[in-house]
Structure formats: structure tokens, C-alpha cells
Amino acid sequence: MLLKLLFENKNDVVPREKILQTVWGYNVYPTTRTIDNFILNFRKYFEHDSRNPRYFHSVRGVGYKYTE
């Protein structure tokens, strides 16, 4: 669901709050570290160099962005 949400909002920053509500819903309250761990795994799988991501970008204090 997180990957789909990022793909659907390509080149736009998706706020953490929207990610938490869309992917996990209102009744489940995962920590924001949960999102960070998913993004870390996406980078390990999709990026050539996970320390210098090309596709999955963190936007400090806001959320995440997927770019092609």
C-alpha cells in the first residue's frame, strides 16, 4: 500500500500523516519509524546506492517523495 501510494503521487511529497492514515488507517497508530523502516527497505531493494537515493527521497519534517 505504501509503495502504491508513493507511485500514485509521483514527484509530489506525501506527508507522513497522509501515509499513516492511508496505509494503516485511523484505528492503528504505528510510529513514524515504521514508515522510515519501509522506506529503508524500498531503498535497499530498488536503489543502486541506498545512501544516495534516486527514487525514494525523504523530505525532512514533511514526508516522502517518489521520483523517476
C-alpha atoms as a PDB file:
ATOM      1  CA  MET A   1       0.000   0.000   0.000  1.00  0.00           C
ATOM      2  CA  LEU A   2       2.830   2.420   0.810  1.00  0.00           C
ATOM      3  CA  LEU A   3       4.579   1.736  -2.464  1.00  0.00           C
ATOM      4  CA  LYS A   4       1.306   2.185  -4.363  1.00  0.00           C
ATOM      5  CA  LEU A   5       0.615   5.482  -2.566  1.00  0.00           C
ATOM      6  CA  LEU A   6       4.057   6.828  -3.447  1.00  0.00           C
ATOM      7  CA  PHE A   7       3.724   5.724  -7.098  1.00  0.00           C
ATOM      8  CA  GLU A   8       0.294   7.342  -7.384  1.00  0.00           C
ATOM      9  CA  ASN A   9       1.748  10.616  -6.059  1.00  0.00           C
ATOM     10  CA  LYS A  10       4.919  10.522  -8.162  1.00  0.00           C
ATOM     11  CA  ASN A  11       7.046  13.687  -7.838  1.00  0.00           C
ATOM     12  CA  ASP A  12       4.831  15.013  -5.020  1.00  0.00           C
ATOM     13  CA  VAL A  13       5.722  14.988  -1.346  1.00  0.00           C
ATOM     14  CA  VAL A  14       3.380  12.712   0.583  1.00  0.00           C
ATOM     15  CA  PRO A  15       3.093  13.906   4.194  1.00  0.00           C
ATOM     16  CA  ARG A  16       3.677  11.383   6.978  1.00  0.00           C
ATOM     17  CA  GLU A  17       0.157  11.977   8.303  1.00  0.00           C
ATOM     18  CA  LYS A  18      -1.374  11.048   4.938  1.00  0.00           C
ATOM     19  CA  ILE A  19       0.820   7.940   4.738  1.00  0.00           C
ATOM     20  CA  LEU A  20      -0.223   6.815   8.228  1.00  0.00           C
ATOM     21  CA  GLN A  21      -3.929   7.388   7.543  1.00  0.00           C
ATOM     22  CA  THR A  22      -3.963   5.875   4.048  1.00  0.00           C
ATOM     23  CA  VAL A  23      -1.772   2.830   4.650  1.00  0.00           C
ATOM     24  CA  TRP A  24      -2.532   1.942   8.280  1.00  0.00           C
ATOM     25  CA  GLY A  25      -5.885   3.659   8.870  1.00  0.00           C
ATOM     26  CA  TYR A  26      -7.313   5.622  11.734  1.00  0.00           C
ATOM     27  CA  ASN A  27      -7.571   2.776  14.260  1.00  0.00           C
ATOM     28  CA  VAL A  28      -3.928   1.719  14.085  1.00  0.00           C
ATOM     29  CA  TYR A  29      -1.222   4.045  15.352  1.00  0.00           C
ATOM     30  CA  PRO A  30       2.197   2.886  14.152  1.00  0.00           C
ATOM     31  CA  THR A  31       5.140   5.132  14.865  1.00  0.00           C
ATOM     32  CA  THR A  32       6.691   7.249  12.151  1.00  0.00           C
ATOM     33  CA  ARG A  33       9.710   4.953  12.435  1.00  0.00           C
ATOM     34  CA  THR A  34       7.519   2.302  10.824  1.00  0.00           C
ATOM     35  CA  ILE A  35       7.395   4.427   7.669  1.00  0.00           C
ATOM     36  CA  ASP A  36      11.155   5.007   7.864  1.00  0.00           C
ATOM     37  CA  ASN A  37      11.777   1.257   8.016  1.00  0.00           C
ATOM     38  CA  PHE A  38       9.599   0.622   4.950  1.00  0.00           C
ATOM     39  CA  ILE A  39      11.413   3.355   3.008  1.00  0.00           C
ATOM     40  CA  LEU A  40      14.764   1.903   4.085  1.00  0.00           C
ATOM     41  CA  ASN A  41      13.708  -1.499   2.720  1.00  0.00           C
ATOM     42  CA  PHE A  42      12.479   0.076  -0.534  1.00  0.00           C
ATOM     43  CA  ARG A  43      15.860   1.762  -0.931  1.00  0.00           C
ATOM     44  CA  LYS A  44      17.722  -1.488  -0.290  1.00  0.00           C
ATOM     45  CA  TYR A  45      15.631  -3.252  -2.921  1.00  0.00           C
ATOM     46  CA  PHE A  46      15.198  -0.590  -5.646  1.00  0.00           C
ATOM     47  CA  GLU A  47      18.188   1.755  -5.332  1.00  0.00           C
ATOM     48  CA  HIS A  48      21.686   1.084  -6.669  1.00  0.00           C
ATOM     49  CA  ASP A  49      23.139   3.132  -3.800  1.00  0.00           C
ATOM     50  CA  SER A  50      20.773   3.354  -0.837  1.00  0.00           C
ATOM     51  CA  ARG A  51      22.829   6.194   0.705  1.00  0.00           C
ATOM     52  CA  ASN A  52      22.248   8.351  -2.381  1.00  0.00           C
ATOM     53  CA  PRO A  53      18.668   7.522  -3.362  1.00  0.00           C
ATOM     54  CA  ARG A  54      17.445   8.238  -6.849  1.00  0.00           C
ATOM     55  CA  TYR A  55      13.806   7.199  -6.405  1.00  0.00           C
ATOM     56  CA  PHE A  56      12.780   7.408  -2.738  1.00  0.00           C
ATOM     57  CA  HIS A  57      13.505  10.762  -1.128  1.00  0.00           C
ATOM     58  CA  SER A  58      12.990  11.961   2.426  1.00  0.00           C
ATOM     59  CA  VAL A  59      11.662  15.475   2.829  1.00  0.00           C
ATOM     60  CA  ARG A  60      12.746  16.456   6.313  1.00  0.00           C
ATOM     61  CA  GLY A  61       9.861  17.303   8.618  1.00  0.00           C
ATOM     62  CA  VAL A  62       7.230  16.613   5.943  1.00  0.00           C
ATOM     63  CA  GLY A  63       7.226  13.133   4.421  1.00  0.00           C
ATOM     64  CA  TYR A  64       8.481  11.197   1.407  1.00  0.00           C
ATOM     65  CA  LYS A  65       8.592  11.579  -2.346  1.00  0.00           C
ATOM     66  CA  TYR A  66       8.997   9.080  -5.177  1.00  0.00           C
ATOM     67  CA  THR A  67      10.626  10.296  -8.394  1.00  0.00           C
ATOM     68  CA  GLU A  68      11.645   8.600 -11.633  1.00  0.00           C
END
